[in-house]
Structure formats: C-alpha cells, structure tokens
C-alpha cells in the first residue's frame, strides 16, 4: 500500500486532535477513494450520455430536480458501501 503525507491548516489539525477516537487516515483514505471513483464515473457518464437516444435525453431533462437529487443520493450511498468493501480486500 502506498503512503502519502498531507499538509493541513493548524486549525484543522487542532480540531482533529479534539477527536482522537476518529481514525483520520481512514477518513482521508475514504475521501480520496470516493473522489477518484467520482472522477472515473464522470468520465464514463459523459460517454454514456452520448450513447443515449435523443428521446431518452429529453426525458431525463424533464425529471424534477428533487427526484434527481434523491436518486443521486441513493446511488452515492450504494457506491460508498461498495467502496467500503473494496478497500478491505
């Protein structure tokens, strides 16, 4: 496994010290994995949208923003669970 070094503002470091029960390296690891997966998905999403029919693209544009937000939240939650198990392997 690779190792990295992070620089943080003093204020953030002091706040972290107030919570020794939290494994901050795990927090950083999960954030980095989540961001890299998000970047990977966004590239594939663009390619995927190009494959959709014009009618399907129009239908997607008509989805209310509240429904889209709920769907996105559910997908992110499912992805986080998947990532959690992948990092344990």
C-alpha atoms as a PDB file:
ATOM      1  CA  UNK A   1       0.000   0.000   0.000  1.00  0.00           C
ATOM      2  CA  UNK A   2       1.292   3.478  -0.886  1.00  0.00           C
ATOM      3  CA  UNK A   3       1.844   6.181   1.714  1.00  0.00           C
ATOM      4  CA  UNK A   4       1.234   9.921   1.378  1.00  0.00           C
ATOM      5  CA  UNK A   5       1.874  12.974   3.541  1.00  0.00           C
ATOM      6  CA  UNK A   6      -0.720  15.723   3.916  1.00  0.00           C
ATOM      7  CA  UNK A   7      -0.384  19.326   4.998  1.00  0.00           C
ATOM      8  CA  UNK A   8      -3.297  20.823   6.918  1.00  0.00           C
ATOM      9  CA  UNK A   9      -4.084  24.239   8.323  1.00  0.00           C
ATOM     10  CA  UNK A  10      -3.297  24.439  12.042  1.00  0.00           C
ATOM     11  CA  UNK A  11      -6.991  24.993  12.847  1.00  0.00           C
ATOM     12  CA  UNK A  12      -7.984  21.742  11.157  1.00  0.00           C
ATOM     13  CA  UNK A  13      -5.211  19.852  12.934  1.00  0.00           C
ATOM     14  CA  UNK A  14      -6.277  21.207  16.320  1.00  0.00           C
ATOM     15  CA  UNK A  15      -9.880  20.184  15.638  1.00  0.00           C
ATOM     16  CA  UNK A  16      -8.707  16.693  14.673  1.00  0.00           C
ATOM     17  CA  UNK A  17      -6.803  16.421  17.957  1.00  0.00           C
ATOM     18  CA  UNK A  18     -10.072  17.062  19.802  1.00  0.00           C
ATOM     19  CA  UNK A  19     -11.407  13.780  18.363  1.00  0.00           C
ATOM     20  CA  UNK A  20      -8.804  11.068  18.991  1.00  0.00           C
ATOM     21  CA  UNK A  21     -11.478   8.381  18.632  1.00  0.00           C
ATOM     22  CA  UNK A  22     -11.578   9.001  14.866  1.00  0.00           C
ATOM     23  CA  UNK A  23      -9.062   7.260  12.625  1.00  0.00           C
ATOM     24  CA  UNK A  24      -8.188  10.241  10.446  1.00  0.00           C
ATOM     25  CA  UNK A  25      -6.149   8.197   7.995  1.00  0.00           C
ATOM     26  CA  UNK A  26      -9.324   6.182   7.290  1.00  0.00           C
ATOM     27  CA  UNK A  27     -11.271   9.396   6.738  1.00  0.00           C
ATOM     28  CA  UNK A  28      -8.642  10.615   4.264  1.00  0.00           C
ATOM     29  CA  UNK A  29      -8.442   7.225   2.536  1.00  0.00           C
ATOM     30  CA  UNK A  30     -12.219   7.060   2.045  1.00  0.00           C
ATOM     31  CA  UNK A  31     -12.366  10.653   0.783  1.00  0.00           C
ATOM     32  CA  UNK A  32      -9.609  10.003  -1.752  1.00  0.00           C
ATOM     33  CA  UNK A  33     -11.204   6.773  -2.957  1.00  0.00           C
ATOM     34  CA  UNK A  34     -14.627   8.409  -3.222  1.00  0.00           C
ATOM     35  CA  UNK A  35     -13.211  11.326  -5.223  1.00  0.00           C
ATOM     36  CA  UNK A  36     -11.277   9.073  -7.606  1.00  0.00           C
ATOM     37  CA  UNK A  37     -14.358   6.936  -8.191  1.00  0.00           C
ATOM     38  CA  UNK A  38     -16.405  10.073  -8.794  1.00  0.00           C
ATOM     39  CA  UNK A  39     -13.885  11.283 -11.366  1.00  0.00           C
ATOM     40  CA  UNK A  40     -13.890   7.897 -13.022  1.00  0.00           C
ATOM     41  CA  UNK A  41     -17.704   7.826 -13.120  1.00  0.00           C
ATOM     42  CA  UNK A  42     -17.997  11.351 -14.505  1.00  0.00           C
ATOM     43  CA  UNK A  43     -15.799  10.468 -17.459  1.00  0.00           C
ATOM     44  CA  UNK A  44     -17.860   7.393 -18.169  1.00  0.00           C
ATOM     45  CA  UNK A  45     -21.118   9.269 -17.667  1.00  0.00           C
ATOM     46  CA  UNK A  46     -20.233  11.671 -20.473  1.00  0.00           C
ATOM     47  CA  UNK A  47     -19.507   8.794 -22.785  1.00  0.00           C
ATOM     48  CA  UNK A  48     -22.697   7.035 -21.710  1.00  0.00           C
ATOM     49  CA  UNK A  49     -24.908  10.075 -22.330  1.00  0.00           C
ATOM     50  CA  UNK A  50     -23.602  10.271 -25.899  1.00  0.00           C
ATOM     51  CA  UNK A  51     -24.968   6.773 -26.463  1.00  0.00           C
ATOM     52  CA  UNK A  52     -28.491   7.656 -25.350  1.00  0.00           C
ATOM     53  CA  UNK A  53     -31.172   8.359 -27.888  1.00  0.00           C
ATOM     54  CA  UNK A  54     -32.379  11.928 -28.321  1.00  0.00           C
ATOM     55  CA  UNK A  55     -35.741  10.936 -26.858  1.00  0.00           C
ATOM     56  CA  UNK A  56     -34.143   9.472 -23.730  1.00  0.00           C
ATOM     57  CA  UNK A  57     -32.010  12.587 -23.225  1.00  0.00           C
ATOM     58  CA  UNK A  58     -35.140  14.752 -23.459  1.00  0.00           C
ATOM     59  CA  UNK A  59     -36.914  12.509 -20.933  1.00  0.00           C
ATOM     60  CA  UNK A  60     -34.013  12.809 -18.497  1.00  0.00           C
ATOM     61  CA  UNK A  61     -34.063  16.589 -18.767  1.00  0.00           C
ATOM     62  CA  UNK A  62     -37.708  16.577 -17.639  1.00  0.00           C
ATOM     63  CA  UNK A  63     -37.028  14.728 -14.376  1.00  0.00           C
ATOM     64  CA  UNK A  64     -37.739  17.097 -11.447  1.00  0.00           C
ATOM     65  CA  UNK A  65     -34.590  18.200  -9.628  1.00  0.00           C
ATOM     66  CA  UNK A  66     -35.891  16.792  -6.298  1.00  0.00           C
ATOM     67  CA  UNK A  67     -36.242  13.314  -7.789  1.00  0.00           C
ATOM     68  CA  UNK A  68     -32.850  13.573  -9.443  1.00  0.00           C
ATOM     69  CA  UNK A  69     -31.255  14.647  -6.146  1.00  0.00           C
ATOM     70  CA  UNK A  70     -32.846  11.718  -4.292  1.00  0.00           C
ATOM     71  CA  UNK A  71     -31.684   9.293  -6.964  1.00  0.00           C
ATOM     72  CA  UNK A  72     -28.144  10.700  -6.904  1.00  0.00           C
ATOM     73  CA  UNK A  73     -28.031  10.425  -3.118  1.00  0.00           C
ATOM     74  CA  UNK A  74     -29.124   6.772  -3.259  1.00  0.00           C
ATOM     75  CA  UNK A  75     -26.511   5.971  -5.899  1.00  0.00           C
ATOM     76  CA  UNK A  76     -23.752   7.655  -3.877  1.00  0.00           C
ATOM     77  CA  UNK A  77     -24.786   5.734  -0.753  1.00  0.00           C
ATOM     78  CA  UNK A  78     -24.671   2.433  -2.633  1.00  0.00           C
ATOM     79  CA  UNK A  79     -21.308   3.369  -4.142  1.00  0.00           C
ATOM     80  CA  UNK A  80     -19.898   4.234  -0.717  1.00  0.00           C
ATOM     81  CA  UNK A  81     -20.875   0.801   0.601  1.00  0.00           C
ATOM     82  CA  UNK A  82     -19.229  -0.845  -2.398  1.00  0.00           C
ATOM     83  CA  UNK A  83     -16.077   1.226  -1.912  1.00  0.00           C
ATOM     84  CA  UNK A  84     -16.006   0.349   1.774  1.00  0.00           C
ATOM     85  CA  UNK A  85     -15.886  -3.350   0.978  1.00  0.00           C
ATOM     86  CA  UNK A  86     -13.440  -2.956  -1.891  1.00  0.00           C
ATOM     87  CA  UNK A  87     -10.899  -1.209   0.329  1.00  0.00           C
ATOM     88  CA  UNK A  88     -10.987  -4.099   2.801  1.00  0.00           C
ATOM     89  CA  UNK A  89      -9.965  -6.637   0.165  1.00  0.00           C
END
